[in-house]
Amino acid sequence: MSRFSLIYIGSFLVLLSIFSFLNIIYSYYFNIFLNIDVYFYTFAISLILGLSFILYKKIKFKKVLIYEKIITVLFGYLFFPLIISIPYFFSINSISFLNSYFEAISGFTSTGFSIFENIKQIDSSLIIWRSTSQWIGGLYFLFSLLLLIDIFDDNLKKSITNYISFDSSEIIKQSLKIIILYAFLTFTIFVLLKLVNLRTFDAFNFSLTIISSGGFLSVNNFDSLFITDISKIILSITILFSYFSLFFSYNLLFFKKRDINYLSEDFYLFIYIFFVVSLIFVFFNFGNNFLNSLVSITSSVSNLGISFKDSPKNLSFIFLVLVIIGGSFFSTSSGLRVIKVLSLIKFSLNNLLSHSKPKQIYLNKVSLNNSNTNKTDINKYFLTIIIFIISLFVITLLLTMSEIEFENAFKIGILTIMNTVNSSMYGVGEFDFYNLSIFAKFTLIVFMIIGRIELLTIFILFKKFLFKN
């Protein structure tokens, strides 16, 4: 590992130690001593390792290649869940190592699959630990996007900054901005949830879950927390925080005419969500139950996945399509990304029109900055879709080999790659992860990570190690 990689991994280990310490304080304050020792172990291990990585100076700084950046990010997704799994493994619930690691991976990748059928069976400190693992995972994902920004096209880069390549000062600037905005939006969600009379414990856990696009809940009966119409509307609004770009609020506050490119993607995201909501309101608003559908729509586009039990089952296919498309490029949501899908559609239409009307000229313009679409960028977008289709085929095949019904395997495969929790609106709300075979759990673990490291990076690694020439 390079010096940069050690500092990168070490910094998140220190962050894990801070949250472990907060859990220790919480346990002491509320006299929850059953599992308090495991948080001491987690605190000590993460802090010692983190400081050791950061302070290790025998390796000098050097230019880090994109391949090492990808490997560093991938290593983090394998390594951090080992630390996160400590409180699960050594808790009083006698959870096996594989189940502990599965729960940790699911939290850190902000997927939300859980081996716990009854949340009341675990103590409140462990519930908080589950939620904080998602919050840290969401932050790690945003930093990973920043770290791997060189593999994305210039148009997507310009949704963050005017710089095409980042030097150390620009990385520090953008990193601080990410941390501040991520924490601020988390606090804003917490305040909004308190306004609808959620108790502090639930509001805190939900705010960590929502901002990270995770799926872990602090209660079994999610429906009982949001009964009134205003509470459902506010819930839908807060869910959209992880759908739009993390920098959306910042760009609105510090808007300048020359920075219009920063808002372009979010503008198209707004049009997209408005179109979807209007379509479902007009054509699929049955039983005067639209607010429940609204929560399902926002939850799907943001890749959160939570829903009410009576959400319309006849729209499950539409909700799955919304999950696949996803949200903003620089948000905690997953998916193929709206802007990539729109660019591919526009490119295809323009080419069709150019053949039907060859005397006219059609420009392929990317909506982010109104510049001509580079054919290489279109190829990247197309390649992302191809990799998704291949990944979905493989995971569906592997899950069916584990004696899971094809329909469930297909749906769970989509949700796994898109890091979206299973719920009743997709028809797999009662899916049992605890009793899955070892092979099936390893399959889900691998593909949860694949879904989080951006599909394009998989091809780059294959190209490096399988096609060296």
Protein backbone atom coordinates (compact mmCIF):
# COMPACT_ATOMS: atom_id res chain seq x y z
CA MET A 1 0.00 0.00 0.00
CA SER A 2 1.12 3.56 -0.70
CA ARG A 3 1.31 6.25 1.97
CA PHE A 4 -1.86 7.81 0.56
CA SER A 5 -3.78 4.52 0.82
CA LEU A 6 -2.67 4.01 4.42
CA ILE A 7 -3.85 7.50 5.38
CA TYR A 8 -7.13 6.99 3.52
CA ILE A 9 -7.90 3.70 5.29
CA GLY A 10 -6.54 4.95 8.61
CA SER A 11 -8.78 8.03 8.59
CA PHE A 12 -11.92 5.92 8.34
CA LEU A 13 -10.64 3.59 11.06
CA VAL A 14 -10.34 6.62 13.35
CA LEU A 15 -13.88 7.62 12.39
CA LEU A 16 -15.05 4.11 13.33
CA SER A 17 -13.33 4.47 16.71
CA ILE A 18 -15.17 7.77 17.31
CA PHE A 19 -18.54 6.14 16.70
CA SER A 20 -17.51 3.22 18.92
CA PHE A 21 -16.72 5.70 21.68
CA LEU A 22 -20.10 7.40 21.21
CA ASN A 23 -21.76 4.00 21.63
CA ILE A 24 -19.83 3.49 24.86
CA ILE A 25 -21.08 6.85 26.17
CA TYR A 26 -24.64 5.99 25.10
CA SER A 27 -24.46 2.60 26.85
CA TYR A 28 -23.19 4.17 30.08
CA TYR A 29 -25.77 6.96 30.00
CA PHE A 30 -28.71 4.58 29.61
CA ASN A 31 -27.21 1.80 31.76
CA ILE A 32 -26.97 -0.69 28.89
CA PHE A 33 -24.06 -2.84 30.01
CA LEU A 34 -24.86 -6.12 28.22
CA ASN A 35 -22.69 -5.46 25.17
CA ILE A 36 -20.59 -2.53 26.31
CA ASP A 37 -17.33 -4.54 26.32
CA VAL A 38 -17.53 -5.20 22.57
CA TYR A 39 -17.53 -1.47 21.86
CA PHE A 40 -14.37 -1.11 23.93
CA TYR A 41 -12.77 -3.83 21.76
CA THR A 42 -13.95 -2.10 18.58
CA PHE A 43 -12.77 1.29 19.83
CA ALA A 44 -9.31 0.00 20.75
CA ILE A 45 -8.77 -2.02 17.57
CA SER A 46 -9.97 0.69 15.16
CA LEU A 47 -8.11 3.51 16.95
CA ILE A 48 -4.79 1.65 17.24
CA LEU A 49 -4.90 0.45 13.64
CA GLY A 50 -6.07 3.83 12.37
CA LEU A 51 -3.33 5.82 14.09
CA SER A 52 -0.74 3.25 13.07
CA PHE A 53 -1.73 3.60 9.41
CA ILE A 54 -1.79 7.39 9.55
CA LEU A 55 1.50 7.79 11.44
CA TYR A 56 3.43 5.15 9.49
CA LYS A 57 6.08 7.18 7.65
CA LYS A 58 8.45 4.58 6.24
CA ILE A 59 6.60 4.76 2.92
CA LYS A 60 7.05 8.03 1.05
CA PHE A 61 4.32 9.82 -0.87
CA LYS A 62 4.22 9.06 -4.58
CA LYS A 63 1.77 9.46 -7.38
CA VAL A 64 -1.08 7.00 -6.90
CA LEU A 65 -2.26 5.25 -10.07
CA ILE A 66 -5.96 4.71 -10.73
CA TYR A 67 -5.55 0.94 -10.29
CA GLU A 68 -4.22 1.38 -6.77
CA LYS A 69 -7.07 3.75 -5.97
CA ILE A 70 -9.60 1.14 -7.07
CA ILE A 71 -7.85 -1.58 -5.05
CA THR A 72 -7.75 0.73 -2.01
CA VAL A 73 -11.50 1.39 -2.23
CA LEU A 74 -12.20 -2.32 -2.73
CA PHE A 75 -9.96 -3.21 0.23
CA GLY A 76 -11.96 -0.79 2.40
CA TYR A 77 -15.24 -2.49 1.51
CA LEU A 78 -13.78 -5.83 2.58
CA PHE A 79 -11.81 -4.65 5.62
CA PHE A 80 -14.06 -2.14 7.42
CA PRO A 81 -16.97 -4.60 7.77
CA LEU A 82 -14.57 -6.87 9.69
CA ILE A 83 -14.26 -4.15 12.31
CA ILE A 84 -17.97 -3.33 12.16
CA SER A 85 -18.88 -7.01 12.66
CA ILE A 86 -17.15 -7.18 16.08
CA PRO A 87 -20.17 -5.92 18.08
CA TYR A 88 -22.45 -8.36 16.21
CA PHE A 89 -20.20 -11.37 16.72
CA PHE A 90 -19.50 -10.78 20.41
CA SER A 91 -23.02 -9.65 21.35
CA ILE A 92 -25.28 -11.71 23.57
CA ASN A 93 -27.28 -12.84 20.52
CA SER A 94 -24.68 -15.49 19.59
CA ILE A 95 -24.44 -14.51 15.93
CA SER A 96 -22.11 -16.54 13.73
CA PHE A 97 -19.15 -14.84 12.08
CA LEU A 98 -20.65 -15.16 8.58
CA ASN A 99 -23.95 -13.62 9.70
CA SER A 100 -22.07 -10.86 11.54
CA TYR A 101 -19.99 -10.08 8.47
CA PHE A 102 -23.07 -10.23 6.24
CA GLU A 103 -24.88 -7.70 8.45
CA ALA A 104 -21.77 -5.48 8.53
CA ILE A 105 -21.33 -5.60 4.73
CA SER A 106 -25.02 -4.88 4.24
CA GLY A 107 -24.76 -1.83 6.50
CA PHE A 108 -21.47 -0.48 5.17
CA THR A 109 -22.61 -0.78 1.54
CA SER A 110 -25.89 0.93 2.55
CA THR A 111 -27.88 -2.02 1.21
CA GLY A 112 -29.96 -2.86 4.29
CA PHE A 113 -30.42 -6.64 4.03
CA SER A 114 -30.70 -7.92 7.59
CA ILE A 115 -30.43 -11.26 9.34
CA PHE A 116 -32.57 -9.89 12.20
CA GLU A 117 -36.24 -10.72 11.74
CA ASN A 118 -37.27 -9.00 14.97
CA ILE A 119 -35.51 -5.72 15.85
CA LYS A 120 -36.82 -5.95 19.41
CA GLN A 121 -34.51 -8.90 19.98
CA ILE A 122 -31.43 -6.64 19.94
CA ASP A 123 -30.60 -3.84 22.35
CA SER A 124 -30.75 -0.17 21.41
CA SER A 125 -26.96 0.27 21.35
CA LEU A 126 -26.67 -2.38 18.62
CA ILE A 127 -29.49 -0.72 16.68
CA ILE A 128 -27.51 2.55 16.75
CA TRP A 129 -24.39 0.66 15.66
CA ARG A 130 -26.27 -0.71 12.64
CA SER A 131 -27.38 2.79 11.68
CA THR A 132 -23.95 4.37 12.16
CA SER A 133 -22.37 1.66 9.98
CA GLN A 134 -24.62 2.86 7.15
CA TRP A 135 -23.74 6.51 7.78
CA ILE A 136 -20.00 5.77 7.66
CA GLY A 137 -20.52 3.60 4.58
CA GLY A 138 -22.36 6.41 2.81
CA LEU A 139 -19.55 8.83 3.59
CA TYR A 140 -16.98 6.28 2.42
CA PHE A 141 -18.89 5.89 -0.85
CA LEU A 142 -18.83 9.66 -1.47
CA PHE A 143 -15.11 9.83 -0.74
CA SER A 144 -14.57 6.85 -3.02
CA LEU A 145 -16.34 8.68 -5.86
CA LEU A 146 -14.00 11.61 -5.26
CA LEU A 147 -10.99 9.30 -5.17
CA LEU A 148 -11.97 7.57 -8.43
CA ILE A 149 -13.10 10.71 -10.22
CA ASP A 150 -10.44 10.31 -12.93
CA ILE A 151 -12.27 7.31 -14.42
CA PHE A 152 -15.40 9.38 -15.06
CA ASP A 153 -15.90 11.69 -18.02
CA ASP A 154 -15.25 15.42 -17.77
CA ASN A 155 -18.95 16.30 -17.81
CA LEU A 156 -19.62 14.33 -14.63
CA LYS A 157 -16.53 15.80 -13.00
CA LYS A 158 -17.85 19.29 -13.65
CA SER A 159 -20.90 18.57 -11.53
CA ILE A 160 -18.46 18.83 -8.60
CA THR A 161 -15.72 21.26 -9.60
CA ASN A 162 -14.22 23.17 -12.50
CA TYR A 163 -10.99 21.25 -12.05
CA ILE A 164 -10.48 18.30 -14.39
CA SER A 165 -7.75 16.76 -12.22
CA PHE A 166 -7.46 17.20 -8.47
CA ASP A 167 -4.27 18.25 -6.72
CA SER A 168 -3.83 17.73 -2.97
CA SER A 169 -5.30 21.12 -2.00
CA GLU A 170 -8.39 20.57 -4.17
CA ILE A 171 -8.90 17.09 -2.68
CA ILE A 172 -8.72 18.53 0.86
CA LYS A 173 -11.15 21.31 -0.07
CA GLN A 174 -13.71 18.95 -1.61
CA SER A 175 -13.28 16.43 1.24
CA LEU A 176 -14.04 19.04 3.89
CA LYS A 177 -17.02 20.20 1.86
CA ILE A 178 -18.33 16.62 1.68
CA ILE A 179 -18.00 16.05 5.44
CA ILE A 180 -19.69 19.36 6.34
CA LEU A 181 -22.56 18.94 3.86
CA TYR A 182 -23.10 15.28 4.75
CA ALA A 183 -23.28 16.08 8.48
CA PHE A 184 -25.45 19.16 7.89
CA LEU A 185 -27.97 17.26 5.76
CA THR A 186 -28.08 14.47 8.35
CA PHE A 187 -28.90 17.01 11.05
CA THR A 188 -31.53 18.66 8.82
CA ILE A 189 -33.26 15.30 8.28
CA PHE A 190 -33.17 14.69 12.05
CA VAL A 191 -34.85 18.05 12.74
CA LEU A 192 -37.53 17.46 10.10
CA LEU A 193 -38.31 14.03 11.52
CA LYS A 194 -38.58 15.50 15.01
CA LEU A 195 -41.17 17.94 13.65
CA VAL A 196 -43.49 15.00 12.94
CA ASN A 197 -43.13 13.85 16.56
CA LEU A 198 -40.76 10.95 16.11
CA ARG A 199 -38.98 10.12 19.32
CA THR A 200 -35.34 11.19 19.38
CA PHE A 201 -34.01 7.63 19.14
CA ASP A 202 -36.01 6.82 15.99
CA ALA A 203 -35.38 10.23 14.40
CA PHE A 204 -31.63 9.81 14.93
CA ASN A 205 -31.52 6.31 13.43
CA PHE A 206 -33.74 7.25 10.51
CA SER A 207 -31.63 10.32 9.71
CA LEU A 208 -28.51 8.14 9.47
CA THR A 209 -30.36 5.61 7.34
CA ILE A 210 -31.97 8.12 4.97
CA ILE A 211 -28.90 10.26 4.20
CA SER A 212 -26.84 7.15 3.43
CA SER A 213 -29.58 5.48 1.32
CA GLY A 214 -29.39 2.54 3.70
CA GLY A 215 -32.25 0.30 4.74
CA PHE A 216 -31.78 -0.58 8.41
CA LEU A 217 -34.78 0.44 10.53
CA SER A 218 -34.99 0.97 14.27
CA VAL A 219 -38.46 -0.58 14.59
CA ASN A 220 -40.33 -3.58 13.22
CA ASN A 221 -43.51 -1.70 12.33
CA PHE A 222 -42.35 1.14 10.11
CA ASP A 223 -45.96 2.11 9.29
CA SER A 224 -46.74 3.06 12.89
CA LEU A 225 -44.22 5.93 12.88
CA PHE A 226 -45.70 7.79 9.90
CA ILE A 227 -49.48 7.82 10.17
CA THR A 228 -50.49 11.38 9.31
CA ASP A 229 -50.38 12.84 5.80
CA ILE A 230 -47.91 15.56 6.79
CA SER A 231 -45.51 12.98 8.25
CA LYS A 232 -45.56 11.00 4.97
CA ILE A 233 -44.91 14.16 2.94
CA ILE A 234 -41.98 15.16 5.16
CA LEU A 235 -40.61 11.61 5.00
CA SER A 236 -40.73 11.75 1.18
CA ILE A 237 -38.93 15.11 1.18
CA THR A 238 -36.16 13.87 3.47
CA ILE A 239 -35.66 10.75 1.34
CA LEU A 240 -34.96 12.97 -1.67
CA PHE A 241 -31.93 14.40 0.16
CA SER A 242 -30.02 11.29 -0.92
CA TYR A 243 -31.49 11.41 -4.43
CA PHE A 244 -30.15 14.82 -5.44
CA SER A 245 -26.45 15.66 -5.52
CA LEU A 246 -24.79 16.16 -2.14
CA PHE A 247 -23.69 19.59 -3.39
CA PHE A 248 -27.19 20.64 -4.44
CA SER A 249 -27.93 22.71 -1.33
CA TYR A 250 -24.44 24.24 -1.40
CA ASN A 251 -24.76 25.17 -5.08
CA LEU A 252 -28.14 26.79 -4.44
CA LEU A 253 -26.78 28.92 -1.60
CA PHE A 254 -23.64 30.00 -3.44
CA PHE A 255 -25.09 30.11 -6.92
CA LYS A 256 -23.31 32.13 -9.59
CA LYS A 257 -24.34 32.39 -13.21
CA ARG A 258 -21.01 31.00 -14.39
CA ASP A 259 -21.60 27.92 -12.22
CA ILE A 260 -24.89 26.96 -13.89
CA ASN A 261 -23.36 23.60 -14.85
CA TYR A 262 -23.34 22.60 -11.18
CA LEU A 263 -27.16 22.77 -11.06
CA SER A 264 -27.92 21.22 -14.43
CA GLU A 265 -27.94 17.61 -13.29
CA ASP A 266 -30.22 18.35 -10.33
CA PHE A 267 -32.54 20.28 -12.65
CA TYR A 268 -32.97 17.20 -14.84
CA LEU A 269 -33.37 15.04 -11.75
CA PHE A 270 -36.22 17.31 -10.64
CA ILE A 271 -37.91 17.01 -14.04
CA TYR A 272 -37.49 13.23 -13.91
CA ILE A 273 -39.01 12.81 -10.43
CA PHE A 274 -41.82 15.26 -11.27
CA PHE A 275 -42.66 13.25 -14.38
CA VAL A 276 -42.70 9.93 -12.50
CA VAL A 277 -44.82 11.28 -9.63
CA SER A 278 -47.30 12.91 -12.06
CA LEU A 279 -47.57 9.73 -14.13
CA ILE A 280 -48.34 7.53 -11.13
CA PHE A 281 -50.71 10.13 -9.63
CA VAL A 282 -52.77 10.35 -12.84
CA PHE A 283 -52.83 6.71 -13.93
CA PHE A 284 -52.13 4.57 -10.84
CA ASN A 285 -53.72 6.46 -7.93
CA PHE A 286 -56.03 3.71 -6.69
CA GLY A 287 -57.79 3.64 -3.34
CA ASN A 288 -56.88 7.22 -2.43
CA ASN A 289 -53.49 5.97 -1.28
CA PHE A 290 -51.17 8.28 -3.19
CA LEU A 291 -48.99 9.40 -0.26
CA ASN A 292 -47.96 5.80 0.37
CA SER A 293 -47.06 5.56 -3.31
CA LEU A 294 -45.13 8.82 -3.05
CA VAL A 295 -42.96 7.36 -0.28
CA SER A 296 -42.37 4.27 -2.44
CA ILE A 297 -41.40 6.41 -5.45
CA THR A 298 -38.92 8.59 -3.57
CA SER A 299 -37.55 5.55 -1.75
CA SER A 300 -36.97 3.73 -5.05
CA VAL A 301 -35.31 6.57 -6.95
CA SER A 302 -32.98 7.22 -4.02
CA ASN A 303 -32.24 3.47 -3.64
CA LEU A 304 -33.37 3.52 -0.03
CA GLY A 305 -36.02 0.83 -0.50
CA ILE A 306 -38.20 1.26 2.58
CA SER A 307 -41.97 1.38 2.10
CA PHE A 308 -45.31 0.95 3.81
CA LYS A 309 -46.78 -2.53 3.88
CA ASP A 310 -49.84 -1.44 1.90
CA SER A 311 -47.87 0.18 -0.92
CA PRO A 312 -49.35 -0.77 -4.33
CA LYS A 313 -48.12 -4.23 -5.29
CA ASN A 314 -49.15 -3.78 -8.94
CA LEU A 315 -46.41 -1.14 -9.31
CA SER A 316 -43.56 -3.38 -8.16
CA PHE A 317 -42.08 -3.57 -11.68
CA ILE A 318 -42.12 0.23 -12.01
CA PHE A 319 -40.46 0.60 -8.63
CA LEU A 320 -37.74 -1.86 -9.68
CA VAL A 321 -37.12 0.17 -12.86
CA LEU A 322 -36.79 3.31 -10.73
CA VAL A 323 -34.26 1.49 -8.55
CA ILE A 324 -32.20 0.49 -11.59
CA ILE A 325 -32.11 4.05 -12.97
CA GLY A 326 -31.15 5.51 -9.58
CA GLY A 327 -30.40 9.14 -8.74
CA SER A 328 -27.62 11.69 -8.94
CA PHE A 329 -24.03 10.96 -9.90
CA PHE A 330 -22.65 12.40 -6.66
CA SER A 331 -25.14 11.19 -4.08
CA THR A 332 -25.37 8.14 -1.84
CA SER A 333 -27.93 6.58 -4.16
CA SER A 334 -26.86 3.81 -6.52
CA GLY A 335 -28.28 2.83 -9.90
CA LEU A 336 -27.12 3.43 -13.44
CA ARG A 337 -27.60 7.19 -12.81
CA VAL A 338 -30.28 9.32 -14.41
CA ILE A 339 -27.86 11.54 -16.31
CA LYS A 340 -26.18 8.57 -17.99
CA VAL A 341 -29.51 7.07 -19.05
CA LEU A 342 -30.72 10.43 -20.43
CA SER A 343 -27.46 10.92 -22.32
CA LEU A 344 -27.74 7.47 -23.90
CA ILE A 345 -31.37 8.09 -24.88
CA LYS A 346 -30.50 11.46 -26.38
CA PHE A 347 -27.51 10.04 -28.22
CA SER A 348 -29.65 7.22 -29.67
CA LEU A 349 -32.46 9.56 -30.74
CA ASN A 350 -30.04 11.97 -32.36
CA ASN A 351 -28.44 9.18 -34.34
CA LEU A 352 -31.81 7.85 -35.46
CA LEU A 353 -32.87 11.34 -36.54
CA SER A 354 -29.60 11.92 -38.36
CA HIS A 355 -30.29 8.82 -40.47
CA SER A 356 -33.90 9.73 -41.13
CA LYS A 357 -33.05 13.37 -41.91
CA PRO A 358 -29.42 13.30 -43.08
CA LYS A 359 -29.49 16.86 -44.36
CA GLN A 360 -29.90 18.18 -40.84
CA ILE A 361 -27.23 18.27 -38.15
CA TYR A 362 -27.94 16.98 -34.65
CA LEU A 363 -25.61 17.70 -31.79
CA ASN A 364 -25.23 15.18 -28.98
CA LYS A 365 -25.24 17.47 -26.00
CA VAL A 366 -24.82 16.32 -22.43
CA SER A 367 -27.21 18.17 -20.17
CA LEU A 368 -24.56 18.76 -17.50
CA ASN A 369 -22.69 21.45 -19.34
CA ASN A 370 -24.20 21.72 -22.82
CA SER A 371 -21.00 20.49 -24.46
CA ASN A 372 -20.80 17.92 -27.21
CA THR A 373 -20.94 14.37 -26.01
CA ASN A 374 -17.65 12.61 -26.40
CA LYS A 375 -18.14 9.22 -28.05
CA THR A 376 -15.79 7.71 -25.47
CA ASP A 377 -18.15 8.88 -22.72
CA ILE A 378 -21.13 7.34 -24.49
CA ASN A 379 -19.18 4.09 -24.73
CA LYS A 380 -18.55 4.25 -20.96
CA TYR A 381 -22.25 4.72 -20.27
CA PHE A 382 -23.15 1.86 -22.58
CA LEU A 383 -20.48 -0.33 -20.99
CA THR A 384 -21.99 0.38 -17.55
CA ILE A 385 -25.33 -0.98 -18.72
CA ILE A 386 -23.71 -4.06 -20.27
CA ILE A 387 -21.84 -4.80 -17.03
CA PHE A 388 -25.08 -4.39 -15.07
CA ILE A 389 -26.90 -6.87 -17.31
CA ILE A 390 -24.05 -9.38 -17.02
CA SER A 391 -23.87 -8.92 -13.23
CA LEU A 392 -27.64 -9.36 -12.91
CA PHE A 393 -27.56 -12.53 -15.01
CA VAL A 394 -24.72 -14.00 -12.93
CA ILE A 395 -26.20 -13.19 -9.51
CA THR A 396 -29.64 -14.47 -10.55
CA LEU A 397 -28.09 -17.71 -11.77
CA LEU A 398 -26.05 -18.14 -8.58
CA LEU A 399 -29.04 -17.46 -6.32
CA THR A 400 -31.26 -19.90 -8.22
CA MET A 401 -28.50 -22.49 -7.76
CA SER A 402 -29.02 -21.88 -4.02
CA GLU A 403 -32.62 -23.09 -4.43
CA ILE A 404 -34.15 -19.61 -4.41
CA GLU A 405 -37.14 -19.15 -6.71
CA PHE A 406 -36.25 -17.43 -9.97
CA GLU A 407 -38.56 -14.43 -9.42
CA ASN A 408 -37.15 -13.79 -5.94
CA ALA A 409 -33.59 -14.37 -7.16
CA PHE A 410 -34.12 -11.87 -9.97
CA LYS A 411 -35.58 -9.19 -7.69
CA ILE A 412 -33.01 -9.72 -4.94
CA GLY A 413 -30.30 -9.61 -7.63
CA ILE A 414 -31.46 -6.17 -8.79
CA LEU A 415 -31.70 -4.86 -5.23
CA THR A 416 -28.27 -6.27 -4.33
CA ILE A 417 -26.44 -4.68 -7.26
CA MET A 418 -28.29 -1.40 -6.67
CA ASN A 419 -27.72 -1.57 -2.88
CA THR A 420 -31.42 -1.23 -2.11
CA VAL A 421 -33.17 -2.93 0.80
CA ASN A 422 -35.87 -5.52 0.14
CA SER A 423 -39.41 -4.44 1.02
CA SER A 424 -43.05 -5.27 0.36
CA MET A 425 -43.29 -2.89 -2.62
CA TYR A 426 -40.89 -5.16 -4.53
CA GLY A 427 -42.69 -8.31 -3.38
CA VAL A 428 -39.75 -9.59 -1.32
CA GLY A 429 -40.41 -7.92 2.03
CA GLU A 430 -40.46 -11.23 3.90
CA PHE A 431 -37.32 -12.64 2.30
CA ASP A 432 -35.33 -14.64 4.88
CA PHE A 433 -31.61 -13.79 4.86
CA TYR A 434 -30.79 -15.56 8.13
CA ASN A 435 -31.47 -19.06 6.78
CA LEU A 436 -29.77 -18.58 3.43
CA SER A 437 -27.04 -21.03 2.52
CA ILE A 438 -23.38 -20.08 2.96
CA PHE A 439 -22.99 -19.96 -0.82
CA ALA A 440 -25.95 -17.56 -1.21
CA LYS A 441 -24.65 -15.24 1.53
CA PHE A 442 -21.19 -15.10 -0.03
CA THR A 443 -22.82 -14.36 -3.39
CA LEU A 444 -24.79 -11.45 -1.92
CA ILE A 445 -21.70 -10.15 -0.11
CA VAL A 446 -19.67 -10.09 -3.32
CA PHE A 447 -22.38 -8.37 -5.35
CA MET A 448 -23.23 -5.84 -2.65
CA ILE A 449 -19.61 -4.69 -2.92
CA ILE A 450 -19.67 -4.82 -6.72
CA GLY A 451 -22.72 -2.57 -6.72
CA ARG A 452 -20.99 -0.02 -4.50
CA ILE A 453 -17.63 0.36 -6.25
CA GLU A 454 -19.24 1.68 -9.47
CA LEU A 455 -19.66 -0.89 -12.22
CA LEU A 456 -17.15 0.78 -14.53
CA THR A 457 -14.30 0.12 -12.09
CA ILE A 458 -14.86 -3.63 -12.48
CA PHE A 459 -14.09 -3.42 -16.17
CA ILE A 460 -10.97 -1.34 -15.47
CA LEU A 461 -9.65 -3.97 -13.05
CA PHE A 462 -10.38 -6.77 -15.54
CA LYS A 463 -8.63 -4.81 -18.23
CA LYS A 464 -5.59 -4.33 -15.99
CA PHE A 465 -5.14 -7.89 -14.76
CA LEU A 466 -6.69 -10.00 -17.54
CA PHE A 467 -5.77 -7.96 -20.62
CA LYS A 468 -2.38 -6.54 -19.75
CA ASN A 469 -1.59 -5.65 -23.31
